[in-house]
Amino acid sequence: MNGFDRRKQKKMNDILTAAFDLFKKNGIEAVKITDVAEKANVSKVTIYNYFGSKEELARQVIFDYMDKKAEEFKTYMSSDLSFKDKFNLMITVKMGSVDELTDGSTDGLLDNDMILSPQVQEFLKTYAETKIKPIFINFIEQGKQEGEIDSEINTETILKYIQSINNILQYPISVQERIDLGKLFFYGLRGK
């Protein structure tokens, strides 16, 4: 990568970081491109040249966040931790991600219109199938080997159960409902 490409990539990363911080704090709708440009120390024109629109910038922020979280997920899921330890870490990371995305005060990046957009839904579907599913299959198999998951339940059935939770998330729901669904998924109706 030459100097020009490195500077361009750094500007794009600065814009994505600034937009992420502003979107999670104030929500996507409340943030103006001018706010992002000021925080990233670039011009509005630069943002439009790289991303085209605020909506595309928001999508790219979500995609960038997903990539970073998937790499973290992949790292700890391929570690030597036990199934239980990975499971507990997954819960902690998942709940922490909700807090991180919302800054504790607003729906932030979990804006239902953005999450439900066809582009984001298609991205999430492809992403889950190609990057997350193979990791989950290995995780499920580890759980079966360690006796933490009923070995008589077919792995594909477990994956369908996980998909059913994902299907629910395609409908407009509040941040609290997302958190509650996460708890139901991980702990069941009886709780911890």
Protein backbone atom coordinates (compact mmCIF):
# COMPACT_ATOMS: atom_id res chain seq x y z
CA MET A 1 0.00 0.00 0.00
CA ASN A 2 1.48 3.34 -1.05
CA GLY A 3 1.39 6.56 0.99
CA PHE A 4 -1.75 7.87 -0.71
CA ASP A 5 -3.67 4.65 -0.03
CA ARG A 6 -2.49 4.61 3.61
CA ARG A 7 -3.67 8.21 4.14
CA LYS A 8 -7.00 7.44 2.47
CA GLN A 9 -7.48 4.34 4.64
CA LYS A 10 -6.60 6.32 7.78
CA LYS A 11 -9.16 9.01 6.87
CA MET A 12 -11.81 6.37 6.27
CA ASN A 13 -11.03 4.74 9.63
CA ASP A 14 -11.14 8.14 11.36
CA ILE A 15 -14.53 8.84 9.78
CA LEU A 16 -15.91 5.42 10.76
CA THR A 17 -14.65 5.85 14.34
CA ALA A 18 -16.09 9.35 14.65
CA ALA A 19 -19.42 8.28 13.15
CA PHE A 20 -19.60 5.23 15.44
CA ASP A 21 -19.03 7.37 18.54
CA LEU A 22 -21.60 9.98 17.49
CA PHE A 23 -24.22 7.49 16.27
CA LYS A 24 -24.07 5.39 19.43
CA LYS A 25 -24.32 8.47 21.64
CA ASN A 26 -26.99 10.42 19.77
CA GLY A 27 -28.65 7.96 17.40
CA ILE A 28 -28.19 7.96 13.63
CA GLU A 29 -31.01 10.41 12.90
CA ALA A 30 -29.70 13.14 15.22
CA VAL A 31 -26.16 13.19 13.81
CA LYS A 32 -25.30 15.44 10.86
CA ILE A 33 -22.47 14.82 8.41
CA THR A 34 -21.03 18.12 9.63
CA ASP A 35 -20.75 16.62 13.14
CA VAL A 36 -18.89 13.58 11.82
CA ALA A 37 -16.60 15.72 9.66
CA GLU A 38 -15.71 17.93 12.61
CA LYS A 39 -14.99 15.00 14.92
CA ALA A 40 -12.93 13.17 12.25
CA ASN A 41 -11.07 16.34 11.20
CA VAL A 42 -12.08 15.97 7.56
CA SER A 43 -14.38 17.90 5.23
CA LYS A 44 -17.98 16.97 4.52
CA VAL A 45 -16.94 16.53 0.89
CA THR A 46 -14.43 13.86 1.92
CA ILE A 47 -17.18 11.92 3.72
CA TYR A 48 -19.50 12.15 0.71
CA ASN A 49 -16.66 11.13 -1.63
CA TYR A 50 -15.90 8.03 0.44
CA PHE A 51 -19.40 7.02 1.50
CA GLY A 52 -21.90 8.83 -0.74
CA SER A 53 -24.56 9.46 1.93
CA LYS A 54 -25.17 9.42 5.67
CA GLU A 55 -27.20 6.22 5.26
CA GLU A 56 -24.30 4.47 3.54
CA LEU A 57 -21.90 5.77 6.19
CA ALA A 58 -24.18 4.33 8.89
CA ARG A 59 -24.29 0.97 7.08
CA GLN A 60 -20.50 0.95 6.77
CA VAL A 61 -20.18 1.75 10.47
CA ILE A 62 -22.37 -1.27 11.25
CA PHE A 63 -20.41 -3.49 8.85
CA ASP A 64 -17.08 -2.31 10.32
CA TYR A 65 -18.34 -2.97 13.85
CA MET A 66 -19.51 -6.46 12.84
CA ASP A 67 -16.11 -7.26 11.32
CA LYS A 68 -14.30 -6.24 14.48
CA LYS A 69 -16.67 -8.21 16.72
CA ALA A 70 -16.47 -11.27 14.45
CA GLU A 71 -12.68 -11.26 14.72
CA GLU A 72 -12.93 -11.08 18.53
CA PHE A 73 -15.53 -13.86 18.47
CA LYS A 74 -13.36 -16.03 16.23
CA THR A 75 -10.34 -15.51 18.50
CA TYR A 76 -11.97 -16.59 21.74
CA MET A 77 -14.03 -19.34 20.12
CA SER A 78 -10.87 -20.94 18.71
CA SER A 79 -9.08 -20.75 22.06
CA ASP A 80 -8.50 -23.68 24.43
CA LEU A 81 -11.23 -22.51 26.82
CA SER A 82 -13.89 -24.99 27.89
CA PHE A 83 -17.37 -24.82 26.38
CA LYS A 84 -18.74 -23.29 29.60
CA ASP A 85 -16.05 -20.61 29.66
CA LYS A 86 -16.64 -19.77 25.99
CA PHE A 87 -20.39 -19.69 26.59
CA ASN A 88 -20.03 -17.31 29.55
CA LEU A 89 -17.60 -15.14 27.60
CA MET A 90 -20.02 -15.08 24.66
CA ILE A 91 -22.82 -13.85 26.93
CA THR A 92 -20.61 -11.18 28.47
CA VAL A 93 -19.41 -10.00 25.06
CA LYS A 94 -22.94 -10.03 23.59
CA MET A 95 -24.43 -8.01 26.44
CA GLY A 96 -21.42 -5.69 26.37
CA SER A 97 -21.94 -5.15 22.66
CA VAL A 98 -25.51 -3.96 23.24
CA ASP A 99 -24.23 -1.47 25.82
CA GLU A 100 -21.43 -0.43 23.48
CA LEU A 101 -23.83 0.13 20.59
CA THR A 102 -26.31 2.17 22.59
CA ASP A 103 -24.04 4.12 24.96
CA GLY A 104 -26.66 3.30 27.62
CA SER A 105 -28.91 6.23 26.73
CA THR A 106 -30.50 5.77 23.29
CA ASP A 107 -31.08 3.16 20.61
CA GLY A 108 -27.87 4.44 18.97
CA LEU A 109 -26.77 2.10 16.18
CA LEU A 110 -29.62 -0.29 16.92
CA ASP A 111 -31.92 2.00 14.97
CA ASN A 112 -34.68 -0.30 13.69
CA ASP A 113 -34.97 1.42 10.30
CA MET A 114 -31.26 0.91 9.68
CA ILE A 115 -31.18 -2.67 10.99
CA LEU A 116 -34.25 -3.57 8.91
CA SER A 117 -32.96 -2.02 5.69
CA PRO A 118 -32.59 -4.58 2.88
CA GLN A 119 -28.87 -3.87 2.52
CA VAL A 120 -28.15 -4.49 6.21
CA GLN A 121 -30.40 -7.56 6.32
CA GLU A 122 -28.66 -9.06 3.28
CA PHE A 123 -25.25 -8.29 4.78
CA LEU A 124 -26.21 -9.87 8.11
CA LYS A 125 -27.61 -12.97 6.40
CA THR A 126 -24.51 -13.51 4.26
CA TYR A 127 -22.22 -12.68 7.16
CA ALA A 128 -23.93 -15.15 9.47
CA GLU A 129 -23.84 -17.92 6.88
CA THR A 130 -20.23 -17.48 5.79
CA LYS A 131 -18.43 -16.27 8.90
CA ILE A 132 -20.43 -17.03 12.03
CA LYS A 133 -22.12 -20.37 11.24
CA PRO A 134 -18.86 -22.37 10.87
CA ILE A 135 -17.65 -21.05 14.23
CA PHE A 136 -20.98 -21.93 15.87
CA ILE A 137 -20.90 -25.46 14.44
CA ASN A 138 -17.51 -26.06 16.06
CA PHE A 139 -18.76 -24.51 19.30
CA ILE A 140 -21.87 -26.73 19.34
CA GLU A 141 -19.75 -29.82 18.67
CA GLN A 142 -17.42 -28.88 21.53
CA GLY A 143 -20.46 -28.51 23.81
CA LYS A 144 -21.64 -31.97 22.82
CA GLN A 145 -18.20 -33.50 23.40
CA GLU A 146 -17.97 -31.90 26.85
CA GLY A 147 -21.51 -33.00 27.76
CA GLU A 148 -22.87 -29.46 27.98
CA ILE A 149 -25.24 -29.87 25.02
CA ASP A 150 -27.49 -32.88 24.57
CA SER A 151 -25.63 -34.95 21.97
CA GLU A 152 -28.92 -36.38 20.72
CA ILE A 153 -30.01 -32.97 19.40
CA ASN A 154 -28.97 -32.59 15.79
CA THR A 155 -26.54 -29.70 15.18
CA GLU A 156 -28.72 -28.45 12.31
CA THR A 157 -31.71 -28.31 14.68
CA ILE A 158 -29.70 -26.21 17.11
CA LEU A 159 -28.69 -23.90 14.27
CA LYS A 160 -32.36 -23.57 13.25
CA TYR A 161 -33.21 -22.61 16.83
CA ILE A 162 -30.52 -19.93 16.70
CA GLN A 163 -31.91 -18.77 13.34
CA SER A 164 -35.41 -18.50 14.81
CA ILE A 165 -34.05 -16.04 17.37
CA ASN A 166 -32.41 -14.10 14.54
CA ASN A 167 -35.72 -14.02 12.66
CA ILE A 168 -37.40 -12.38 15.65
CA LEU A 169 -34.72 -9.69 15.57
CA GLN A 170 -35.85 -8.67 12.09
CA TYR A 171 -38.94 -7.02 13.57
CA PRO A 172 -38.87 -3.64 15.29
CA ILE A 173 -38.06 -4.24 18.93
CA SER A 174 -36.60 -2.11 21.70
CA VAL A 175 -33.11 -2.44 23.09
CA GLN A 176 -34.57 -3.99 26.26
CA GLU A 177 -36.42 -6.61 24.19
CA ARG A 178 -33.13 -7.43 22.42
CA ILE A 179 -31.45 -7.89 25.79
CA ASP A 180 -34.32 -10.06 27.03
CA LEU A 181 -34.16 -12.24 23.90
CA GLY A 182 -30.44 -12.68 24.47
CA LYS A 183 -31.10 -13.84 28.02
CA LEU A 184 -33.82 -16.25 26.83
CA PHE A 185 -31.49 -17.64 24.19
CA PHE A 186 -28.58 -18.16 26.55
CA TYR A 187 -30.40 -19.11 29.76
CA GLY A 188 -33.88 -20.29 28.78
CA LEU A 189 -37.05 -19.46 30.68
CA ARG A 190 -35.61 -20.51 34.04
CA GLY A 191 -32.77 -17.97 33.93
CA LYS A 192 -29.29 -18.39 35.36
